[in-house]
Amino acid sequence: MLKRLLTDQIPKLGGYRLAYEGLRNPPAPMNLTLSITNACNSRCISCDIWTIYPAEKERLEEELTL
């Protein structure tokens, strides 16, 4: 884990900074989050996605179901 941090992550941070300054193209993203549905049971302080369906119950029917 530490080896990966030193060899992969820290150099990417420098690349992001250079891209921010317009000196090079940005490196590939460090992570990608793909949300299949907005239905969430968590009540995170930093996110309010879970408030969509209690406020707008008709949108729940539009969600992907199996």
N, C-alpha and C. Protein backbone atom coordinates (compact mmCIF):
# COMPACT_ATOMS: atom_id res chain seq x y z
N MET A 1 0.82 -1.19 0.00
CA MET A 1 0.00 0.00 0.00
C MET A 1 0.87 1.25 0.00
N LEU A 2 1.87 1.31 0.87
CA LEU A 2 2.75 2.47 0.92
C LEU A 2 3.55 2.60 -0.37
N LYS A 3 3.98 1.45 -0.90
CA LYS A 3 4.74 1.47 -2.15
C LYS A 3 3.88 2.04 -3.28
N ARG A 4 2.62 1.64 -3.33
CA ARG A 4 1.71 2.16 -4.36
C ARG A 4 1.51 3.66 -4.20
N LEU A 5 1.39 4.11 -2.97
CA LEU A 5 1.23 5.54 -2.71
C LEU A 5 2.43 6.31 -3.23
N LEU A 6 3.62 5.81 -2.93
CA LEU A 6 4.84 6.50 -3.33
C LEU A 6 5.10 6.44 -4.83
N THR A 7 4.72 5.33 -5.47
CA THR A 7 5.03 5.17 -6.89
C THR A 7 3.92 5.64 -7.82
N ASP A 8 2.68 5.62 -7.36
CA ASP A 8 1.55 5.97 -8.24
C ASP A 8 0.87 7.28 -7.86
N GLN A 9 0.45 7.39 -6.63
CA GLN A 9 -0.41 8.50 -6.23
C GLN A 9 0.31 9.84 -6.12
N ILE A 10 1.45 9.88 -5.47
CA ILE A 10 2.16 11.15 -5.27
C ILE A 10 2.61 11.75 -6.61
N PRO A 11 3.18 10.96 -7.53
CA PRO A 11 3.51 11.56 -8.83
C PRO A 11 2.29 12.11 -9.57
N LYS A 12 1.14 11.46 -9.43
CA LYS A 12 -0.07 11.97 -10.07
C LYS A 12 -0.46 13.33 -9.52
N LEU A 13 -0.27 13.52 -8.23
CA LEU A 13 -0.60 14.82 -7.64
C LEU A 13 0.20 15.94 -8.29
N GLY A 14 1.46 15.67 -8.55
CA GLY A 14 2.28 16.65 -9.26
C GLY A 14 1.77 16.90 -10.67
N GLY A 15 1.33 15.83 -11.32
CA GLY A 15 0.77 15.96 -12.66
C GLY A 15 -0.50 16.78 -12.68
N TYR A 16 -1.34 16.60 -11.66
CA TYR A 16 -2.56 17.40 -11.57
C TYR A 16 -2.23 18.88 -11.39
N ARG A 17 -1.22 19.15 -10.59
CA ARG A 17 -0.82 20.55 -10.37
C ARG A 17 -0.29 21.18 -11.66
N LEU A 18 0.53 20.44 -12.39
CA LEU A 18 1.04 20.96 -13.67
C LEU A 18 -0.09 21.18 -14.67
N ALA A 19 -1.09 20.30 -14.66
CA ALA A 19 -2.24 20.47 -15.55
C ALA A 19 -3.05 21.69 -15.13
N TYR A 20 -3.19 21.91 -13.84
CA TYR A 20 -3.91 23.08 -13.33
C TYR A 20 -3.23 24.37 -13.79
N GLU A 21 -1.92 24.36 -13.81
CA GLU A 21 -1.15 25.53 -14.25
C GLU A 21 -1.12 25.66 -15.77
N GLY A 22 -1.67 24.67 -16.48
CA GLY A 22 -1.71 24.71 -17.93
C GLY A 22 -0.41 24.28 -18.59
N LEU A 23 0.43 23.59 -17.86
CA LEU A 23 1.74 23.20 -18.39
C LEU A 23 1.75 21.81 -19.03
N ARG A 24 0.69 21.03 -18.82
CA ARG A 24 0.62 19.70 -19.42
C ARG A 24 -0.82 19.21 -19.38
N ASN A 25 -1.09 18.11 -20.06
CA ASN A 25 -2.41 17.49 -20.00
C ASN A 25 -2.56 16.77 -18.67
N PRO A 26 -3.78 16.71 -18.13
CA PRO A 26 -3.96 16.05 -16.83
C PRO A 26 -3.77 14.53 -16.93
N PRO A 27 -3.27 13.92 -15.85
CA PRO A 27 -3.16 12.46 -15.82
C PRO A 27 -4.55 11.83 -15.66
N ALA A 28 -4.60 10.53 -15.76
CA ALA A 28 -5.87 9.82 -15.58
C ALA A 28 -6.40 10.05 -14.17
N PRO A 29 -7.73 9.99 -13.99
CA PRO A 29 -8.31 10.19 -12.66
C PRO A 29 -7.81 9.14 -11.67
N MET A 30 -7.77 9.52 -10.38
CA MET A 30 -7.36 8.57 -9.34
C MET A 30 -8.48 7.61 -8.99
N ASN A 31 -9.72 8.05 -9.12
CA ASN A 31 -10.84 7.16 -8.86
C ASN A 31 -12.04 7.60 -9.68
N LEU A 32 -13.01 6.71 -9.79
CA LEU A 32 -14.22 6.97 -10.54
C LEU A 32 -15.38 6.39 -9.74
N THR A 33 -16.41 7.18 -9.55
CA THR A 33 -17.59 6.71 -8.84
C THR A 33 -18.75 6.66 -9.82
N LEU A 34 -19.38 5.51 -9.94
CA LEU A 34 -20.51 5.33 -10.82
C LEU A 34 -21.73 5.02 -9.97
N SER A 35 -22.68 5.92 -9.93
CA SER A 35 -23.89 5.72 -9.14
C SER A 35 -24.98 5.17 -10.05
N ILE A 36 -25.41 3.97 -9.78
CA ILE A 36 -26.44 3.32 -10.58
C ILE A 36 -27.82 3.88 -10.23
N THR A 37 -28.02 4.22 -8.99
CA THR A 37 -29.30 4.73 -8.53
C THR A 37 -29.07 5.82 -7.49
N ASN A 38 -30.06 6.67 -7.31
CA ASN A 38 -29.98 7.71 -6.29
C ASN A 38 -30.57 7.25 -4.96
N ALA A 39 -31.13 6.06 -4.93
CA ALA A 39 -31.70 5.54 -3.69
C ALA A 39 -30.57 5.18 -2.73
N CYS A 40 -30.50 5.88 -1.63
CA CYS A 40 -29.40 5.69 -0.68
C CYS A 40 -29.97 5.66 0.73
N ASN A 41 -29.55 4.67 1.51
CA ASN A 41 -30.02 4.56 2.88
C ASN A 41 -29.13 5.30 3.87
N SER A 42 -27.97 5.74 3.42
CA SER A 42 -27.06 6.46 4.31
C SER A 42 -27.57 7.88 4.52
N ARG A 43 -27.20 8.46 5.60
CA ARG A 43 -27.60 9.84 5.92
C ARG A 43 -26.34 10.67 6.16
N CYS A 44 -25.49 10.73 5.15
CA CYS A 44 -24.21 11.42 5.29
C CYS A 44 -24.42 12.92 5.47
N ILE A 45 -23.60 13.51 6.32
CA ILE A 45 -23.66 14.95 6.55
C ILE A 45 -23.21 15.71 5.31
N SER A 46 -22.25 15.15 4.59
CA SER A 46 -21.68 15.85 3.44
C SER A 46 -22.47 15.66 2.15
N CYS A 47 -23.54 14.88 2.17
CA CYS A 47 -24.30 14.58 0.96
C CYS A 47 -25.79 14.59 1.28
N ASP A 48 -26.58 15.13 0.37
CA ASP A 48 -28.03 15.15 0.62
C ASP A 48 -28.81 14.40 -0.46
N ILE A 49 -28.16 13.47 -1.16
CA ILE A 49 -28.83 12.72 -2.22
C ILE A 49 -30.01 11.91 -1.67
N TRP A 50 -29.92 11.50 -0.43
CA TRP A 50 -30.98 10.68 0.17
C TRP A 50 -32.27 11.48 0.39
N THR A 51 -32.22 12.80 0.29
CA THR A 51 -33.43 13.61 0.49
C THR A 51 -34.30 13.70 -0.75
N ILE A 52 -33.82 13.21 -1.89
CA ILE A 52 -34.59 13.32 -3.14
C ILE A 52 -35.92 12.58 -3.04
N TYR A 53 -35.89 11.33 -2.63
CA TYR A 53 -37.10 10.53 -2.69
C TYR A 53 -38.12 10.82 -1.60
N PRO A 54 -37.73 11.13 -0.38
CA PRO A 54 -38.76 11.54 0.57
C PRO A 54 -39.48 12.82 0.13
N ALA A 55 -38.77 13.70 -0.55
CA ALA A 55 -39.37 14.96 -1.01
C ALA A 55 -40.16 14.77 -2.30
N GLU A 56 -39.72 13.86 -3.18
CA GLU A 56 -40.36 13.65 -4.48
C GLU A 56 -40.58 12.16 -4.71
N LYS A 57 -41.61 11.61 -4.12
CA LYS A 57 -41.85 10.16 -4.17
C LYS A 57 -42.07 9.65 -5.59
N GLU A 58 -42.60 10.47 -6.49
CA GLU A 58 -42.84 10.02 -7.87
C GLU A 58 -41.54 9.71 -8.62
N ARG A 59 -40.43 10.30 -8.21
CA ARG A 59 -39.15 10.03 -8.87
C ARG A 59 -38.63 8.63 -8.54
N LEU A 60 -39.10 8.04 -7.46
CA LEU A 60 -38.66 6.70 -7.09
C LEU A 60 -39.07 5.68 -8.16
N GLU A 61 -40.21 5.90 -8.80
CA GLU A 61 -40.68 4.98 -9.84
C GLU A 61 -39.80 5.02 -11.09
N GLU A 62 -39.05 6.10 -11.28
CA GLU A 62 -38.19 6.23 -12.45
C GLU A 62 -36.86 5.51 -12.28
N GLU A 63 -36.56 5.06 -11.07
CA GLU A 63 -35.28 4.39 -10.80
C GLU A 63 -35.22 3.03 -11.46
N LEU A 64 -34.01 2.59 -11.71
CA LEU A 64 -33.76 1.28 -12.27
C LEU A 64 -34.18 0.21 -11.27
N THR A 65 -34.95 -0.75 -11.71
CA THR A 65 -35.36 -1.85 -10.83
C THR A 65 -35.02 -3.17 -11.49
N LEU A 66 -34.90 -4.19 -10.67
CA LEU A 66 -34.61 -5.53 -11.19
C LEU A 66 -35.85 -6.37 -11.20
